[in-house]
């Protein structure tokens, strides 16, 4: 009987790891873990291009649990939520899962257009990107004290410790003039559930 109790306690202890919840982006089927270490998935969406709505990438937004439980609480349906997500000094990241091949010039031109006049750091950062193949990922994270971390297809790039520039990058999806309005809303789709 003692062995059974120990075994059951072991199962309960590993259950959160064994049964990690995943959220799927519905139009691509791309899966995102609901939790990533000390961060929660706030929402997922799909970036489309042109009037033909060509699928480019699924994207998920992760926000530090400390911010979810703290400064973001009660802001689920407010413009202030977006301002906090863009400019707040807490860990956050976007994970882009590509569903089609994108050339170096396509991705660099898209970021250049989205960033506009974001200063000298923009050129340095844009040059991090090369050709992206379907099923590859780009991860862009703000880590206070370290800076904007970028991982392109598994390759870590040098961090850029410039908060204003990091806000410009996050503003691509969450700012006042996002690349796609429905994507901006989708990236906070779990806010009513998480930011009560």
Foldseek 3Di string as FASTA:
>chain_A
DVVVVVVVVVCVVCVCVVCFDWDAAPPQRDIDTQDDVQWGWQFKYFDADDPVRHTFWIKIKIFGNCCLVPVCAPCLPHLVNLVCSLQPQGKMKMKTQTQAKDALCRQLVLQCVQLPCLDDVSVVVSVVDGIDGHRFMWMWMQHPPQAIWIAGRNRTDHHDHDSSSSSSNSCCQRNPDHPDVVSNCRNRVCSVVRRD
